N, C-alpha and C. Protein backbone atom coordinates (compact mmCIF):
# COMPACT_ATOMS: atom_id res chain seq x y z
N MET A 1 1.10 -1.20 0.08
CA MET A 1 0.14 0.13 0.07
C MET A 1 1.27 1.61 0.17
N ALA A 2 0.04 2.63 -0.81
CA ALA A 2 1.09 3.67 -1.07
C ALA A 2 0.83 4.31 0.37
N GLY A 3 2.21 5.45 0.84
CA GLY A 3 2.09 5.88 2.30
C GLY A 3 1.44 7.11 1.41
N PRO A 4 1.60 7.99 2.50
CA PRO A 4 0.74 8.93 2.45
C PRO A 4 1.85 9.97 1.82
N GLY A 5 1.67 10.79 0.24
CA GLY A 5 2.21 11.33 -0.62
C GLY A 5 2.84 11.08 -1.32
N ARG A 6 2.31 9.13 -1.49
CA ARG A 6 2.51 8.52 -2.61
C ARG A 6 1.83 8.17 -3.57
N ILE A 7 2.70 8.02 -4.36
CA ILE A 7 0.83 7.76 -5.89
C ILE A 7 1.77 6.52 -6.48
N GLN A 8 2.95 6.45 -6.75
CA GLN A 8 3.44 5.04 -7.11
C GLN A 8 3.72 4.60 -6.65
N PRO A 9 3.05 2.89 -6.03
CA PRO A 9 3.36 1.83 -5.19
C PRO A 9 4.44 1.16 -6.36
N ARG A 10 5.92 0.41 -5.86
CA ARG A 10 6.91 -0.29 -6.57
C ARG A 10 6.38 -1.18 -5.48
N LEU A 11 7.18 -2.71 -6.89
CA LEU A 11 7.60 -3.67 -6.22
C LEU A 11 8.56 -4.02 -7.12
N ASP A 12 9.39 -4.82 -6.03
CA ASP A 12 11.08 -6.01 -7.12
C ASP A 12 10.09 -6.95 -7.44
N CYS A 13 10.07 -7.61 -8.39
CA CYS A 13 10.04 -8.90 -8.71
C CYS A 13 11.02 -9.85 -9.12
N LEU A 14 11.18 -10.66 -8.31
CA LEU A 14 12.24 -12.00 -9.22
C LEU A 14 12.28 -12.35 -11.02
N ALA A 15 13.13 -12.16 -11.14
CA ALA A 15 12.54 -11.85 -12.94
C ALA A 15 12.44 -13.57 -13.16
N SER A 16 12.56 -14.80 -12.30
CA SER A 16 12.90 -15.73 -12.39
C SER A 16 10.88 -16.23 -11.93
N ASN A 17 10.27 -15.26 -12.11
CA ASN A 17 9.20 -15.93 -11.32
C ASN A 17 7.67 -15.34 -12.74
N PRO A 18 7.92 -16.04 -14.37
CA PRO A 18 7.21 -15.35 -14.82
C PRO A 18 5.56 -15.26 -14.95
N ARG A 19 4.90 -16.30 -13.50
CA ARG A 19 3.44 -16.44 -12.87
C ARG A 19 3.16 -14.63 -11.49
N LEU A 20 4.49 -14.81 -11.04
CA LEU A 20 4.10 -12.93 -10.28
C LEU A 20 4.41 -12.28 -11.44
N THR A 21 5.01 -12.38 -12.19
CA THR A 21 5.26 -10.64 -13.22
C THR A 21 4.24 -11.43 -13.92
N SER A 22 3.64 -12.11 -14.78
CA SER A 22 2.64 -11.92 -15.43
C SER A 22 1.39 -11.05 -14.13
N TYR A 23 0.71 -11.49 -13.29
CA TYR A 23 -0.04 -10.81 -12.01
C TYR A 23 0.60 -9.81 -11.92
N CYS A 24 1.44 -9.32 -11.67
CA CYS A 24 1.44 -8.12 -11.81
C CYS A 24 0.81 -6.67 -12.87
N LEU A 25 1.62 -7.08 -13.86
CA LEU A 25 0.71 -7.02 -15.44
C LEU A 25 0.08 -6.88 -15.25
N ASP A 26 -0.87 -8.20 -15.73
CA ASP A 26 -2.42 -7.93 -15.27
C ASP A 26 -3.25 -7.02 -14.31
N THR A 27 -2.43 -6.68 -13.40
CA THR A 27 -2.85 -5.69 -12.25
C THR A 27 -3.01 -5.03 -12.55
N GLY A 28 -1.94 -3.68 -13.53
CA GLY A 28 -1.47 -2.81 -14.04
C GLY A 28 -0.35 -2.16 -13.37
N TYR A 29 0.19 -3.40 -12.52
CA TYR A 29 1.98 -2.82 -12.93
C TYR A 29 2.62 -2.59 -14.14
N ARG A 30 3.54 -2.14 -14.24
CA ARG A 30 4.39 -2.05 -15.69
C ARG A 30 5.85 -2.52 -14.91
N VAL A 31 6.16 -2.78 -15.62
CA VAL A 31 7.84 -3.19 -15.30
C VAL A 31 9.06 -1.17 -15.66
N PHE A 32 9.68 -1.23 -15.09
CA PHE A 32 10.48 -0.05 -15.57
C PHE A 32 12.21 0.36 -15.02
N GLY A 33 12.43 -1.63 -15.04
CA GLY A 33 13.29 -1.03 -14.62
C GLY A 33 13.84 -3.12 -14.09
N HIS A 34 15.17 -3.58 -14.93
CA HIS A 34 16.28 -4.71 -14.00
C HIS A 34 17.21 -4.32 -13.72
N LYS A 35 17.37 -5.17 -12.74
CA LYS A 35 18.51 -5.34 -12.00
C LYS A 35 19.17 -7.29 -11.91
N ALA A 36 19.82 -6.92 -12.81
CA ALA A 36 20.80 -8.47 -12.95
C ALA A 36 21.93 -8.54 -12.22
N ASP A 37 22.25 -10.06 -11.31
CA ASP A 37 22.72 -10.79 -10.69
C ASP A 37 23.01 -10.06 -9.51
N LYS A 38 21.66 -9.22 -8.68
CA LYS A 38 22.61 -9.00 -7.17
C LYS A 38 22.86 -9.10 -6.44
N PRO A 39 23.94 -8.84 -5.18
CA PRO A 39 24.48 -10.23 -4.18
C PRO A 39 23.71 -10.06 -3.91
N GLN A 40 22.49 -11.31 -2.53
CA GLN A 40 22.34 -11.96 -1.85
C GLN A 40 23.35 -12.45 -0.95
N GLN A 41 22.66 -12.59 0.26
CA GLN A 41 23.54 -13.72 1.23
C GLN A 41 23.57 -15.31 0.99
N GLY A 42 24.98 -15.22 1.29
CA GLY A 42 25.29 -16.92 0.65
C GLY A 42 25.75 -16.45 -0.39
N GLY A 43 26.45 -15.84 -1.43
CA GLY A 43 27.42 -15.18 -2.33
C GLY A 43 26.40 -15.57 -3.81
N THR A 44 25.06 -16.11 -3.90
CA THR A 44 24.25 -16.16 -4.43
C THR A 44 24.30 -15.08 -5.78
N THR A 45 23.41 -14.46 -6.50
CA THR A 45 23.56 -13.53 -7.26
C THR A 45 21.53 -13.88 -7.78
N MET A 46 20.98 -13.19 -8.09
CA MET A 46 19.44 -13.42 -8.80
C MET A 46 18.73 -11.86 -8.88
N ASN A 47 17.98 -12.39 -10.24
CA ASN A 47 17.79 -11.34 -11.44
C ASN A 47 16.33 -10.61 -11.01
N PHE A 48 15.89 -9.49 -10.78
CA PHE A 48 14.70 -8.96 -10.23
C PHE A 48 14.67 -7.44 -11.42
N ALA A 49 13.38 -7.87 -11.00
CA ALA A 49 12.40 -6.45 -12.60
C ALA A 49 11.48 -5.86 -11.86
N PHE A 50 11.75 -4.04 -11.83
CA PHE A 50 11.05 -2.74 -10.80
C PHE A 50 10.29 -2.74 -12.04
N LEU A 51 8.93 -2.83 -10.68
CA LEU A 51 7.58 -1.93 -10.97
C LEU A 51 6.78 -1.71 -9.25
N GLU A 52 5.80 -0.66 -10.95
CA GLU A 52 5.07 0.58 -10.37
C GLU A 52 3.88 0.38 -10.57
N LYS A 53 2.39 1.39 -10.35
CA LYS A 53 1.51 2.18 -11.29
C LYS A 53 1.49 2.71 -10.53
N SER A 54 0.56 3.64 -10.98
CA SER A 54 -0.34 4.39 -11.04
C SER A 54 -1.53 4.73 -9.29
N VAL A 55 -1.38 5.26 -8.76
CA VAL A 55 -2.72 5.60 -7.77
C VAL A 55 -4.25 6.41 -8.21
N ARG A 56 -5.34 5.78 -8.04
CA ARG A 56 -6.25 6.65 -9.18
C ARG A 56 -6.68 7.35 -7.23
N TYR A 57 -7.09 8.64 -8.04
CA TYR A 57 -8.26 9.36 -6.77
C TYR A 57 -8.37 9.20 -6.93
N GLY A 58 -9.70 9.22 -7.07
CA GLY A 58 -11.35 9.41 -7.54
C GLY A 58 -11.13 8.85 -8.91
N ALA A 59 -11.67 10.03 -10.77
CA ALA A 59 -12.03 10.19 -11.82
C ALA A 59 -10.39 10.09 -12.00
N ARG A 60 -10.06 10.44 -11.62
CA ARG A 60 -8.75 10.45 -12.32
C ARG A 60 -7.42 10.11 -11.69
N ASP A 61 -6.42 9.83 -12.36
CA ASP A 61 -5.66 9.43 -12.56
C ASP A 61 -4.17 10.48 -12.24
N ILE A 62 -3.17 10.30 -11.42
CA ILE A 62 -2.24 10.75 -10.36
C ILE A 62 -0.83 10.36 -10.48
N ARG A 63 -0.07 10.77 -11.37
CA ARG A 63 0.85 10.60 -11.94
C ARG A 63 1.94 11.41 -12.03
N GLN A 64 3.45 10.54 -11.69
CA GLN A 64 4.23 11.13 -11.21
C GLN A 64 5.69 10.76 -12.68
N PRO A 65 6.30 11.19 -12.96
CA PRO A 65 7.05 11.41 -14.37
C PRO A 65 8.04 10.35 -13.31
N VAL A 66 8.63 9.21 -13.61
CA VAL A 66 9.30 8.80 -12.89
C VAL A 66 10.79 8.41 -14.13
N GLY A 67 11.07 9.72 -15.53
CA GLY A 67 12.46 9.57 -15.76
C GLY A 67 12.64 8.41 -17.16
N ARG A 68 12.09 7.19 -17.09
CA ARG A 68 11.52 6.10 -17.51
C ARG A 68 10.21 5.54 -18.94
N THR A 69 10.98 5.39 -19.80
CA THR A 69 9.91 4.81 -21.00
C THR A 69 8.71 3.98 -20.92
N ALA A 70 7.77 4.26 -20.69
CA ALA A 70 7.18 2.92 -20.30
C ALA A 70 7.35 1.78 -20.93
N GLN A 71 6.97 -0.01 -20.74
CA GLN A 71 7.22 -0.93 -21.13
C GLN A 71 6.02 -1.48 -21.88
N THR A 72 5.31 -2.32 -22.30
CA THR A 72 4.25 -3.37 -22.91
C THR A 72 4.50 -4.75 -21.92
N ARG A 73 4.79 -4.88 -21.81
CA ARG A 73 4.49 -6.58 -21.03
C ARG A 73 6.01 -7.27 -21.36
N PRO A 74 6.57 -6.61 -21.37
CA PRO A 74 8.45 -7.30 -21.31
C PRO A 74 8.97 -8.15 -20.84
N ALA A 75 9.94 -9.19 -21.60
CA ALA A 75 10.12 -10.47 -20.43
C ALA A 75 11.19 -10.07 -19.52
N CYS A 76 10.85 -10.32 -18.67
CA CYS A 76 12.14 -10.51 -17.14
C CYS A 76 12.50 -11.65 -17.86
N GLU A 77 14.04 -11.77 -17.82
CA GLU A 77 15.05 -13.02 -18.52
C GLU A 77 16.01 -12.17 -17.38
């Protein structure tokens, strides 16, 4: 849930989880970035997709530019 003053909730999603990524895209999130080989505890690495969506207030969308272009259903690999 977005906190006070926040208009774009963001999620980190494992890129190796296409079911979760698909669910997020179907519920209005969009991919705005990726992080490959992020170090994890124990010395392993993982790949992440970063997602966000606009929050609706009444009948209008409140959007804040994030400086990245929107993508349509990109592969999270």
